[in-house]
Amino acid sequence: MSTVALDFPSRRSKPPTDWIGLIGLSPATSLLVVFFALPMGMMIGMSFHGPSSGTLSLESYRRFATDGLSLWGFWRTAVMSFLVAASATLFAYPVAYYLARSTGRWRSVVFALALAPELAGVVLRTYGWLIILEDRGFINDVLIHIGIISSPLPLSKNLFAVVVGLTHVVLPFAILSLTTSIQGIDDNLERAGQMLGASRPAVIWYILFPLSLPGLVSSFLLCFTMAASAYATPALLGGAGFKVLATMISEQVLFYIDWSFAAVMANALLILMLAISYIGVWFETRQREKYRGMTGGFK
């Protein structure tokens, strides 16, 4: 009787390293390290230098924590960014839903109109809103001419004007983000809900809205970060009296030559963005787990 001997390797061979993937990621990683991580590290280190001596000091942080103008600029930046992100996401949702579900010829027209503002620069669009909202602008002139008001409404040089201008700037990005999210939702779910007797608003609220929540969170975070770091629109529409962190950082660098205090403000802006992003991702993850448990573990 013959036997067959099987020779099993004593060690399990390791899978080959994906060198092609590492080589492909190396240019992007290098760019991030050189143009993002390194400048951010230098900025953080600069914030711990004294404004005059150049030695290690927490004087700039103490000044930021006790300066009412700096703290007010921080909270104004947070409120402004929240209002812009909320309004842009709210206005973008109907347009995104139409673009995701429509197949007619008007879809291309609406899509082109949604992206048309990006063909013009931010400064040009901001000056357009300045002409519309200023005291002798289009809106006030029309209202005065038809007799509704007797004196101009305060539509410019305030928070309202900045929120309107920034909403116009970030709205196309919100539309693209939400359109991609809604396109990933099977439209048969909406048809099934209507066939079971649900009204159209009920289908949108109980089916479409929960499933598109990741897109809503992504749109909100994208618009929030873009609004918080905006400079031209708050500077032009807000005027000299409307101070946010971006304009205050510019003043510290260009006029007061206080790089340490400007770095502290930039760190505060970075912390604000990271905190909002963390809250948004935490909320999105919690909602995913909630609806996954309601559906018995199915995505």
C-alpha atoms as a PDB file:
ATOM      1  CA  MET A   1       0.000   0.000   0.000  1.00  0.00           C
ATOM      2  CA  SER A   2       1.511   3.281  -1.092  1.00  0.00           C
ATOM      3  CA  THR A   3       1.316   6.440   0.966  1.00  0.00           C
ATOM      4  CA  VAL A   4       1.410  10.069  -0.016  1.00  0.00           C
ATOM      5  CA  ALA A   5       3.360  12.469   2.143  1.00  0.00           C
ATOM      6  CA  LEU A   6       2.065  16.025   2.371  1.00  0.00           C
ATOM      7  CA  ASP A   7       4.632  18.694   3.089  1.00  0.00           C
ATOM      8  CA  PHE A   8       2.955  21.628   4.835  1.00  0.00           C
ATOM      9  CA  PRO A   9       4.991  24.814   5.200  1.00  0.00           C
ATOM     10  CA  SER A  10       5.914  25.548   8.775  1.00  0.00           C
ATOM     11  CA  ARG A  11       5.281  29.255   8.404  1.00  0.00           C
ATOM     12  CA  ARG A  12       2.378  30.968   6.760  1.00  0.00           C
ATOM     13  CA  SER A  13       3.638  33.212   4.005  1.00  0.00           C
ATOM     14  CA  LYS A  14       2.863  36.883   4.392  1.00  0.00           C
ATOM     15  CA  PRO A  15       0.866  38.584   1.685  1.00  0.00           C
ATOM     16  CA  PRO A  16       2.965  40.720  -0.603  1.00  0.00           C
ATOM     17  CA  THR A  17       3.104  44.375   0.227  1.00  0.00           C
ATOM     18  CA  ASP A  18       1.027  46.601  -2.010  1.00  0.00           C
ATOM     19  CA  TRP A  19       3.925  48.733  -3.180  1.00  0.00           C
ATOM     20  CA  ILE A  20       1.908  50.123  -6.062  1.00  0.00           C
ATOM     21  CA  GLY A  21      -0.671  51.546  -3.663  1.00  0.00           C
ATOM     22  CA  LEU A  22       2.012  53.045  -1.418  1.00  0.00           C
ATOM     23  CA  ILE A  23       3.764  54.630  -4.386  1.00  0.00           C
ATOM     24  CA  GLY A  24       0.451  56.022  -5.613  1.00  0.00           C
ATOM     25  CA  LEU A  25      -0.296  57.610  -2.231  1.00  0.00           C
ATOM     26  CA  SER A  26       3.173  59.049  -1.688  1.00  0.00           C
ATOM     27  CA  PRO A  27       2.728  62.232  -3.803  1.00  0.00           C
ATOM     28  CA  ALA A  28      -0.531  63.173  -2.080  1.00  0.00           C
ATOM     29  CA  THR A  29       0.929  62.333   1.342  1.00  0.00           C
ATOM     30  CA  SER A  30       4.000  64.434   0.627  1.00  0.00           C
ATOM     31  CA  LEU A  31       1.872  67.391  -0.430  1.00  0.00           C
ATOM     32  CA  LEU A  32      -0.222  67.128   2.739  1.00  0.00           C
ATOM     33  CA  VAL A  33       2.862  66.941   4.929  1.00  0.00           C
ATOM     34  CA  VAL A  34       4.692  69.827   3.256  1.00  0.00           C
ATOM     35  CA  PHE A  35       1.795  72.203   2.631  1.00  0.00           C
ATOM     36  CA  PHE A  36      -0.556  71.320   5.521  1.00  0.00           C
ATOM     37  CA  ALA A  37       0.982  69.415   8.431  1.00  0.00           C
ATOM     38  CA  LEU A  38       4.255  71.349   8.484  1.00  0.00           C
ATOM     39  CA  PRO A  39       2.660  74.842   8.312  1.00  0.00           C
ATOM     40  CA  MET A  40       0.099  73.844  10.937  1.00  0.00           C
ATOM     41  CA  GLY A  41       2.870  72.654  13.235  1.00  0.00           C
ATOM     42  CA  MET A  42       4.790  75.908  12.703  1.00  0.00           C
ATOM     43  CA  MET A  43       1.655  77.926  13.450  1.00  0.00           C
ATOM     44  CA  ILE A  44       0.988  76.002  16.663  1.00  0.00           C
ATOM     45  CA  GLY A  45       4.587  76.478  17.741  1.00  0.00           C
ATOM     46  CA  MET A  46       4.445  80.181  16.898  1.00  0.00           C
ATOM     47  CA  SER A  47       1.446  80.653  19.196  1.00  0.00           C
ATOM     48  CA  PHE A  48       3.579  79.719  22.209  1.00  0.00           C
ATOM     49  CA  HIS A  49       6.137  82.470  21.562  1.00  0.00           C
ATOM     50  CA  GLY A  50       5.969  85.748  23.394  1.00  0.00           C
ATOM     51  CA  PRO A  51       4.779  88.710  21.315  1.00  0.00           C
ATOM     52  CA  SER A  52       7.945  90.724  21.929  1.00  0.00           C
ATOM     53  CA  SER A  53      10.585  88.523  23.577  1.00  0.00           C
ATOM     54  CA  GLY A  54      10.193  85.495  21.305  1.00  0.00           C
ATOM     55  CA  THR A  55      10.620  83.078  24.220  1.00  0.00           C
ATOM     56  CA  LEU A  56       8.145  80.377  25.161  1.00  0.00           C
ATOM     57  CA  SER A  57       5.121  82.008  26.742  1.00  0.00           C
ATOM     58  CA  LEU A  58       1.355  81.634  27.172  1.00  0.00           C
ATOM     59  CA  GLU A  59       0.821  85.379  27.049  1.00  0.00           C
ATOM     60  CA  SER A  60      -1.000  85.282  23.712  1.00  0.00           C
ATOM     61  CA  TYR A  61      -3.398  82.586  24.955  1.00  0.00           C
ATOM     62  CA  ARG A  62      -4.061  84.568  28.143  1.00  0.00           C
ATOM     63  CA  ARG A  63      -4.734  87.640  26.062  1.00  0.00           C
ATOM     64  CA  PHE A  64      -7.172  85.763  23.835  1.00  0.00           C
ATOM     65  CA  ALA A  65      -9.037  84.303  26.829  1.00  0.00           C
ATOM     66  CA  THR A  66      -9.385  87.693  28.554  1.00  0.00           C
ATOM     67  CA  ASP A  67      -9.908  89.936  25.515  1.00  0.00           C
ATOM     68  CA  GLY A  68     -13.614  90.570  25.029  1.00  0.00           C
ATOM     69  CA  LEU A  69     -13.183  91.544  21.375  1.00  0.00           C
ATOM     70  CA  SER A  70     -11.404  88.279  20.525  1.00  0.00           C
ATOM     71  CA  LEU A  71     -13.977  86.136  22.319  1.00  0.00           C
ATOM     72  CA  TRP A  72     -16.807  88.057  20.675  1.00  0.00           C
ATOM     73  CA  GLY A  73     -15.184  87.461  17.280  1.00  0.00           C
ATOM     74  CA  PHE A  74     -14.949  83.746  18.072  1.00  0.00           C
ATOM     75  CA  TRP A  75     -18.643  83.443  18.969  1.00  0.00           C
ATOM     76  CA  ARG A  76     -19.671  85.621  16.038  1.00  0.00           C
ATOM     77  CA  THR A  77     -17.727  83.319  13.715  1.00  0.00           C
ATOM     78  CA  ALA A  78     -19.475  80.267  15.190  1.00  0.00           C
ATOM     79  CA  VAL A  79     -22.956  81.810  14.915  1.00  0.00           C
ATOM     80  CA  MET A  80     -22.335  83.116  11.393  1.00  0.00           C
ATOM     81  CA  SER A  81     -21.007  79.748  10.181  1.00  0.00           C
ATOM     82  CA  PHE A  82     -23.914  77.856  11.761  1.00  0.00           C
ATOM     83  CA  LEU A  83     -26.508  80.113  10.126  1.00  0.00           C
ATOM     84  CA  VAL A  84     -24.796  79.866   6.739  1.00  0.00           C
ATOM     85  CA  ALA A  85     -24.491  76.071   6.929  1.00  0.00           C
ATOM     86  CA  ALA A  86     -28.114  75.632   8.049  1.00  0.00           C
ATOM     87  CA  SER A  87     -29.563  77.975   5.423  1.00  0.00           C
ATOM     88  CA  ALA A  88     -27.434  76.576   2.587  1.00  0.00           C
ATOM     89  CA  THR A  89     -28.369  72.985   3.466  1.00  0.00           C
ATOM     90  CA  LEU A  90     -32.052  73.914   3.755  1.00  0.00           C
ATOM     91  CA  PHE A  91     -32.157  75.724   0.415  1.00  0.00           C
ATOM     92  CA  ALA A  92     -30.068  73.079  -1.336  1.00  0.00           C
ATOM     93  CA  TYR A  93     -32.243  70.096  -0.355  1.00  0.00           C
ATOM     94  CA  PRO A  94     -35.178  70.710  -2.763  1.00  0.00           C
ATOM     95  CA  VAL A  95     -32.816  71.476  -5.639  1.00  0.00           C
ATOM     96  CA  ALA A  96     -30.720  68.396  -4.887  1.00  0.00           C
ATOM     97  CA  TYR A  97     -33.831  66.222  -4.711  1.00  0.00           C
ATOM     98  CA  TYR A  98     -34.990  67.485  -8.102  1.00  0.00           C
ATOM     99  CA  LEU A  99     -31.563  66.868  -9.649  1.00  0.00           C
ATOM    100  CA  ALA A 100     -31.361  63.370  -8.155  1.00  0.00           C
ATOM    101  CA  ARG A 101     -34.836  62.244  -9.256  1.00  0.00           C
ATOM    102  CA  SER A 102     -35.459  64.183 -12.466  1.00  0.00           C
ATOM    103  CA  THR A 103     -34.556  62.828 -15.900  1.00  0.00           C
ATOM    104  CA  GLY A 104     -36.076  65.510 -18.109  1.00  0.00           C
ATOM    105  CA  ARG A 105     -34.406  68.193 -20.167  1.00  0.00           C
ATOM    106  CA  TRP A 106     -34.908  70.776 -17.430  1.00  0.00           C
ATOM    107  CA  ARG A 107     -32.511  68.863 -15.203  1.00  0.00           C
ATOM    108  CA  SER A 108     -29.527  70.104 -17.187  1.00  0.00           C
ATOM    109  CA  VAL A 109     -30.832  73.672 -17.017  1.00  0.00           C
ATOM    110  CA  VAL A 110     -31.326  73.525 -13.245  1.00  0.00           C
ATOM    111  CA  PHE A 111     -27.911  71.900 -12.794  1.00  0.00           C
ATOM    112  CA  ALA A 112     -26.252  74.629 -14.860  1.00  0.00           C
ATOM    113  CA  LEU A 113     -28.046  77.367 -12.911  1.00  0.00           C
ATOM    114  CA  ALA A 114     -27.005  75.759  -9.620  1.00  0.00           C
ATOM    115  CA  LEU A 115     -23.340  75.791 -10.608  1.00  0.00           C
ATOM    116  CA  ALA A 116     -23.421  79.116 -12.469  1.00  0.00           C
ATOM    117  CA  PRO A 117     -22.337  81.192  -9.419  1.00  0.00           C
ATOM    118  CA  GLU A 118     -19.029  79.311  -9.358  1.00  0.00           C
ATOM    119  CA  LEU A 119     -18.152  80.788 -12.759  1.00  0.00           C
ATOM    120  CA  ALA A 120     -17.698  84.178 -11.104  1.00  0.00           C
ATOM    121  CA  GLY A 121     -15.192  84.977  -8.384  1.00  0.00           C
ATOM    122  CA  VAL A 122     -16.113  85.344  -4.725  1.00  0.00           C
ATOM    123  CA  VAL A 123     -15.229  89.036  -4.718  1.00  0.00           C
ATOM    124  CA  LEU A 124     -17.387  89.700  -7.781  1.00  0.00           C
ATOM    125  CA  ARG A 125     -20.394  87.930  -6.252  1.00  0.00           C
ATOM    126  CA  THR A 126     -19.866  89.761  -2.963  1.00  0.00           C
ATOM    127  CA  TYR A 127     -19.840  93.144  -4.694  1.00  0.00           C
ATOM    128  CA  GLY A 128     -23.049  92.144  -6.456  1.00  0.00           C
ATOM    129  CA  TRP A 129     -24.740  91.544  -3.104  1.00  0.00           C
ATOM    130  CA  LEU A 130     -23.285  94.801  -1.808  1.00  0.00           C
ATOM    131  CA  ILE A 131     -25.025  96.670  -4.627  1.00  0.00           C
ATOM    132  CA  ILE A 132     -28.283  94.872  -3.837  1.00  0.00           C
ATOM    133  CA  LEU A 133     -28.236  95.230  -0.033  1.00  0.00           C
ATOM    134  CA  GLU A 134     -26.620  98.601   0.659  1.00  0.00           C
ATOM    135  CA  ASP A 135     -28.635 101.593   1.904  1.00  0.00           C
ATOM    136  CA  ARG A 136     -29.049 102.997  -1.607  1.00  0.00           C
ATOM    137  CA  GLY A 137     -29.082  99.575  -3.210  1.00  0.00           C
ATOM    138  CA  PHE A 138     -31.631  97.839  -5.376  1.00  0.00           C
ATOM    139  CA  ILE A 139     -33.908  96.511  -2.615  1.00  0.00           C
ATOM    140  CA  ASN A 140     -34.094  99.727  -0.612  1.00  0.00           C
ATOM    141  CA  ASP A 141     -34.568 101.881  -3.719  1.00  0.00           C
ATOM    142  CA  VAL A 142     -37.474  99.717  -4.907  1.00  0.00           C
ATOM    143  CA  LEU A 143     -39.144  99.669  -1.483  1.00  0.00           C
ATOM    144  CA  ILE A 144     -38.784 103.432  -1.084  1.00  0.00           C
ATOM    145  CA  HIS A 145     -40.010 104.080  -4.628  1.00  0.00           C
ATOM    146  CA  ILE A 146     -43.233 102.089  -4.174  1.00  0.00           C
ATOM    147  CA  GLY A 147     -43.837 103.667  -0.770  1.00  0.00           C
ATOM    148  CA  ILE A 148     -43.473 100.642   1.528  1.00  0.00           C
ATOM    149  CA  ILE A 149     -40.667 102.229   3.574  1.00  0.00           C
ATOM    150  CA  SER A 150     -39.552 105.804   4.082  1.00  0.00           C
ATOM    151  CA  SER A 151     -35.962 105.173   5.137  1.00  0.00           C
ATOM    152  CA  PRO A 152     -33.484 102.475   4.040  1.00  0.00           C
ATOM    153  CA  LEU A 153     -33.536  99.145   5.842  1.00  0.00           C
ATOM    154  CA  PRO A 154     -30.266  98.038   7.517  1.00  0.00           C
ATOM    155  CA  LEU A 155     -29.549  95.209   5.077  1.00  0.00           C
ATOM    156  CA  SER A 156     -25.771  95.640   4.809  1.00  0.00           C
ATOM    157  CA  LYS A 157     -22.819  95.975   7.190  1.00  0.00           C
ATOM    158  CA  ASN A 158     -24.288  93.392   9.562  1.00  0.00           C
ATOM    159  CA  LEU A 159     -24.713  89.667  10.184  1.00  0.00           C
ATOM    160  CA  PHE A 160     -27.684  89.387   7.825  1.00  0.00           C
ATOM    161  CA  ALA A 161     -25.697  90.608   4.833  1.00  0.00           C
ATOM    162  CA  VAL A 162     -22.774  88.278   5.557  1.00  0.00           C
ATOM    163  CA  VAL A 163     -25.051  85.246   5.956  1.00  0.00           C
ATOM    164  CA  VAL A 164     -26.818  86.028   2.664  1.00  0.00           C
ATOM    165  CA  GLY A 165     -23.550  86.504   0.793  1.00  0.00           C
ATOM    166  CA  LEU A 166     -21.874  83.381   2.185  1.00  0.00           C
ATOM    167  CA  THR A 167     -24.980  81.261   1.599  1.00  0.00           C
ATOM    168  CA  HIS A 168     -24.773  82.224  -2.057  1.00  0.00           C
ATOM    169  CA  VAL A 169     -21.085  81.247  -2.091  1.00  0.00           C
ATOM    170  CA  VAL A 170     -21.420  77.793  -0.497  1.00  0.00           C
ATOM    171  CA  LEU A 171     -24.822  76.825  -1.937  1.00  0.00           C
ATOM    172  CA  PRO A 172     -23.447  74.995  -5.030  1.00  0.00           C
ATOM    173  CA  PHE A 173     -21.266  72.785  -2.822  1.00  0.00           C
ATOM    174  CA  ALA A 174     -24.268  71.908  -0.650  1.00  0.00           C
ATOM    175  CA  ILE A 175     -26.308  71.026  -3.742  1.00  0.00           C
ATOM    176  CA  LEU A 176     -23.610  68.705  -5.095  1.00  0.00           C
ATOM    177  CA  SER A 177     -23.150  66.985  -1.733  1.00  0.00           C
ATOM    178  CA  LEU A 178     -26.869  66.390  -1.225  1.00  0.00           C
ATOM    179  CA  THR A 179     -27.460  65.319  -4.834  1.00  0.00           C
ATOM    180  CA  THR A 180     -24.868  62.567  -4.505  1.00  0.00           C
ATOM    181  CA  SER A 181     -26.429  61.396  -1.233  1.00  0.00           C
ATOM    182  CA  ILE A 182     -30.001  61.312  -2.558  1.00  0.00           C
ATOM    183  CA  GLN A 183     -28.948  59.526  -5.760  1.00  0.00           C
ATOM    184  CA  GLY A 184     -27.677  56.667  -3.598  1.00  0.00           C
ATOM    185  CA  ILE A 185     -31.180  56.099  -2.144  1.00  0.00           C
ATOM    186  CA  ASP A 186     -33.325  53.618  -4.050  1.00  0.00           C
ATOM    187  CA  ASP A 187     -36.384  55.484  -5.341  1.00  0.00           C
ATOM    188  CA  ASN A 188     -38.393  52.254  -5.089  1.00  0.00           C
ATOM    189  CA  LEU A 189     -38.557  52.869  -1.348  1.00  0.00           C
ATOM    190  CA  GLU A 190     -40.489  56.063  -1.977  1.00  0.00           C
ATOM    191  CA  ARG A 191     -42.843  54.307  -4.384  1.00  0.00           C
ATOM    192  CA  ALA A 192     -43.434  51.528  -1.852  1.00  0.00           C
ATOM    193  CA  GLY A 193     -44.307  54.045   0.826  1.00  0.00           C
ATOM    194  CA  GLN A 194     -46.816  55.772  -1.436  1.00  0.00           C
ATOM    195  CA  MET A 195     -48.328  52.436  -2.484  1.00  0.00           C
ATOM    196  CA  LEU A 196     -48.853  51.613   1.205  1.00  0.00           C
ATOM    197  CA  GLY A 197     -50.881  54.791   1.642  1.00  0.00           C
ATOM    198  CA  ALA A 198     -48.317  57.299   2.888  1.00  0.00           C
ATOM    199  CA  SER A 199     -48.620  60.865   1.652  1.00  0.00           C
ATOM    200  CA  ARG A 200     -45.793  62.572  -0.192  1.00  0.00           C
ATOM    201  CA  PRO A 201     -44.692  64.677   2.834  1.00  0.00           C
ATOM    202  CA  ALA A 202     -44.800  61.544   5.016  1.00  0.00           C
ATOM    203  CA  VAL A 203     -42.587  59.656   2.542  1.00  0.00           C
ATOM    204  CA  ILE A 204     -40.065  62.477   2.516  1.00  0.00           C
ATOM    205  CA  TRP A 205     -40.038  62.859   6.303  1.00  0.00           C
ATOM    206  CA  TYR A 206     -40.026  59.192   7.352  1.00  0.00           C
ATOM    207  CA  ILE A 207     -38.120  57.575   4.461  1.00  0.00           C
ATOM    208  CA  LEU A 208     -36.086  60.042   2.438  1.00  0.00           C
ATOM    209  CA  PHE A 209     -34.939  62.334   5.237  1.00  0.00           C
ATOM    210  CA  PRO A 210     -33.487  59.617   7.534  1.00  0.00           C
ATOM    211  CA  LEU A 211     -31.727  57.882   4.640  1.00  0.00           C
ATOM    212  CA  SER A 212     -30.248  61.154   3.374  1.00  0.00           C
ATOM    213  CA  LEU A 213     -29.010  62.164   6.829  1.00  0.00           C
ATOM    214  CA  PRO A 214     -25.337  61.406   6.021  1.00  0.00           C
ATOM    215  CA  GLY A 215     -25.557  63.783   3.074  1.00  0.00           C
ATOM    216  CA  LEU A 216     -27.182  66.438   5.250  1.00  0.00           C
ATOM    217  CA  VAL A 217     -24.404  66.164   7.812  1.00  0.00           C
ATOM    218  CA  SER A 218     -21.716  66.272   5.115  1.00  0.00           C
ATOM    219  CA  SER A 219     -23.330  69.308   3.515  1.00  0.00           C
ATOM    220  CA  PHE A 220     -23.605  71.088   6.866  1.00  0.00           C
ATOM    221  CA  LEU A 221     -19.977  70.397   7.797  1.00  0.00           C
ATOM    222  CA  LEU A 222     -18.689  71.453   4.383  1.00  0.00           C
ATOM    223  CA  CYS A 223     -20.629  74.723   4.436  1.00  0.00           C
ATOM    224  CA  PHE A 224     -19.690  75.400   8.071  1.00  0.00           C
ATOM    225  CA  THR A 225     -15.952  75.058   7.472  1.00  0.00           C
ATOM    226  CA  MET A 226     -16.084  77.138   4.291  1.00  0.00           C
ATOM    227  CA  ALA A 227     -18.030  79.909   6.034  1.00  0.00           C
ATOM    228  CA  ALA A 228     -15.815  79.904   9.132  1.00  0.00           C
ATOM    229  CA  SER A 229     -12.660  80.389   7.061  1.00  0.00           C
ATOM    230  CA  ALA A 230     -14.143  82.943   4.635  1.00  0.00           C
ATOM    231  CA  TYR A 231     -12.484  86.346   4.512  1.00  0.00           C
ATOM    232  CA  ALA A 232     -13.608  88.395   1.500  1.00  0.00           C
ATOM    233  CA  THR A 233     -17.362  88.180   2.079  1.00  0.00           C
ATOM    234  CA  PRO A 234     -17.325  89.135   5.803  1.00  0.00           C
ATOM    235  CA  ALA A 235     -14.834  91.926   5.106  1.00  0.00           C
ATOM    236  CA  LEU A 236     -16.900  93.467   2.290  1.00  0.00           C
ATOM    237  CA  LEU A 237     -20.484  92.825   3.376  1.00  0.00           C
ATOM    238  CA  GLY A 238     -19.854  93.070   7.108  1.00  0.00           C
ATOM    239  CA  GLY A 239     -17.872  96.267   7.021  1.00  0.00           C
ATOM    240  CA  ALA A 240     -15.197  97.443   9.433  1.00  0.00           C
ATOM    241  CA  GLY A 241     -17.372  96.847  12.487  1.00  0.00           C
ATOM    242  CA  PHE A 242     -18.149  93.187  11.717  1.00  0.00           C
ATOM    243  CA  LYS A 243     -15.218  91.235  13.157  1.00  0.00           C
ATOM    244  CA  VAL A 244     -14.803  87.505  12.659  1.00  0.00           C
ATOM    245  CA  LEU A 245     -11.707  85.404  13.244  1.00  0.00           C
ATOM    246  CA  ALA A 246     -10.614  85.478   9.597  1.00  0.00           C
ATOM    247  CA  THR A 247     -10.649  89.288   9.397  1.00  0.00           C
ATOM    248  CA  MET A 248      -9.104  89.632  12.863  1.00  0.00           C
ATOM    249  CA  ILE A 249      -6.235  87.315  11.899  1.00  0.00           C
ATOM    250  CA  SER A 250      -5.597  89.446   8.825  1.00  0.00           C
ATOM    251  CA  GLU A 251      -5.472  92.603  10.943  1.00  0.00           C
ATOM    252  CA  GLN A 252      -3.032  91.071  13.423  1.00  0.00           C
ATOM    253  CA  VAL A 253      -0.681  90.003  10.617  1.00  0.00           C
ATOM    254  CA  LEU A 254      -0.882  93.041   8.307  1.00  0.00           C
ATOM    255  CA  PHE A 255      -1.393  95.979  10.680  1.00  0.00           C
ATOM    256  CA  TYR A 256      -0.241  94.976  14.167  1.00  0.00           C
ATOM    257  CA  ILE A 257       2.496  92.525  13.059  1.00  0.00           C
ATOM    258  CA  ASP A 258       1.598  90.259  15.973  1.00  0.00           C
ATOM    259  CA  TRP A 259       2.162  86.796  14.536  1.00  0.00           C
ATOM    260  CA  SER A 260       1.864  85.051  17.891  1.00  0.00           C
ATOM    261  CA  PHE A 261      -1.629  86.395  18.613  1.00  0.00           C
ATOM    262  CA  ALA A 262      -2.687  85.720  15.024  1.00  0.00           C
ATOM    263  CA  ALA A 263      -1.530  82.112  15.446  1.00  0.00           C
ATOM    264  CA  VAL A 264      -3.634  81.793  18.604  1.00  0.00           C
ATOM    265  CA  MET A 265      -6.694  83.016  16.695  1.00  0.00           C
ATOM    266  CA  ALA A 266      -5.951  80.578  13.878  1.00  0.00           C
ATOM    267  CA  ASN A 267      -5.692  77.755  16.422  1.00  0.00           C
ATOM    268  CA  ALA A 268      -9.042  78.794  17.901  1.00  0.00           C
ATOM    269  CA  LEU A 269     -10.575  78.694  14.414  1.00  0.00           C
ATOM    270  CA  LEU A 270      -9.073  75.250  13.813  1.00  0.00           C
ATOM    271  CA  ILE A 271     -10.415  73.961  17.145  1.00  0.00           C
ATOM    272  CA  LEU A 272     -13.870  75.294  16.271  1.00  0.00           C
ATOM    273  CA  MET A 273     -13.877  73.435  12.937  1.00  0.00           C
ATOM    274  CA  LEU A 274     -12.580  70.211  14.490  1.00  0.00           C
ATOM    275  CA  ALA A 275     -15.161  70.352  17.285  1.00  0.00           C
ATOM    276  CA  ILE A 276     -18.075  70.842  14.878  1.00  0.00           C
ATOM    277  CA  SER A 277     -16.740  68.089  12.613  1.00  0.00           C
ATOM    278  CA  TYR A 278     -16.445  65.693  15.551  1.00  0.00           C
ATOM    279  CA  ILE A 279     -19.990  66.452  16.704  1.00  0.00           C
ATOM    280  CA  GLY A 280     -21.312  65.980  13.155  1.00  0.00           C
ATOM    281  CA  VAL A 281     -19.541  62.644  12.642  1.00  0.00           C
ATOM    282  CA  TRP A 282     -20.657  61.436  16.102  1.00  0.00           C
ATOM    283  CA  PHE A 283     -24.265  62.371  15.337  1.00  0.00           C
ATOM    284  CA  GLU A 284     -24.160  60.691  11.933  1.00  0.00           C
ATOM    285  CA  THR A 285     -22.691  57.488  13.411  1.00  0.00           C
ATOM    286  CA  ARG A 286     -25.332  57.419  16.144  1.00  0.00           C
ATOM    287  CA  GLN A 287     -28.140  57.821  13.628  1.00  0.00           C
ATOM    288  CA  ARG A 288     -26.701  55.053  11.446  1.00  0.00           C
ATOM    289  CA  GLU A 289     -26.633  52.673  14.415  1.00  0.00           C
ATOM    290  CA  LYS A 290     -30.168  53.700  15.378  1.00  0.00           C
ATOM    291  CA  TYR A 291     -31.694  52.936  11.974  1.00  0.00           C
ATOM    292  CA  ARG A 292     -29.546  49.824  11.568  1.00  0.00           C
ATOM    293  CA  GLY A 293     -31.019  48.461  14.800  1.00  0.00           C
ATOM    294  CA  MET A 294     -34.546  49.323  13.663  1.00  0.00           C
ATOM    295  CA  THR A 295     -34.043  47.350  10.443  1.00  0.00           C
ATOM    296  CA  GLY A 296     -32.594  44.300  12.200  1.00  0.00           C
ATOM    297  CA  GLY A 297     -28.985  44.876  11.248  1.00  0.00           C
ATOM    298  CA  PHE A 298     -29.482  45.471   7.521  1.00  0.00           C
ATOM    299  CA  LYS A 299     -28.006  48.649   6.041  1.00  0.00           C
END
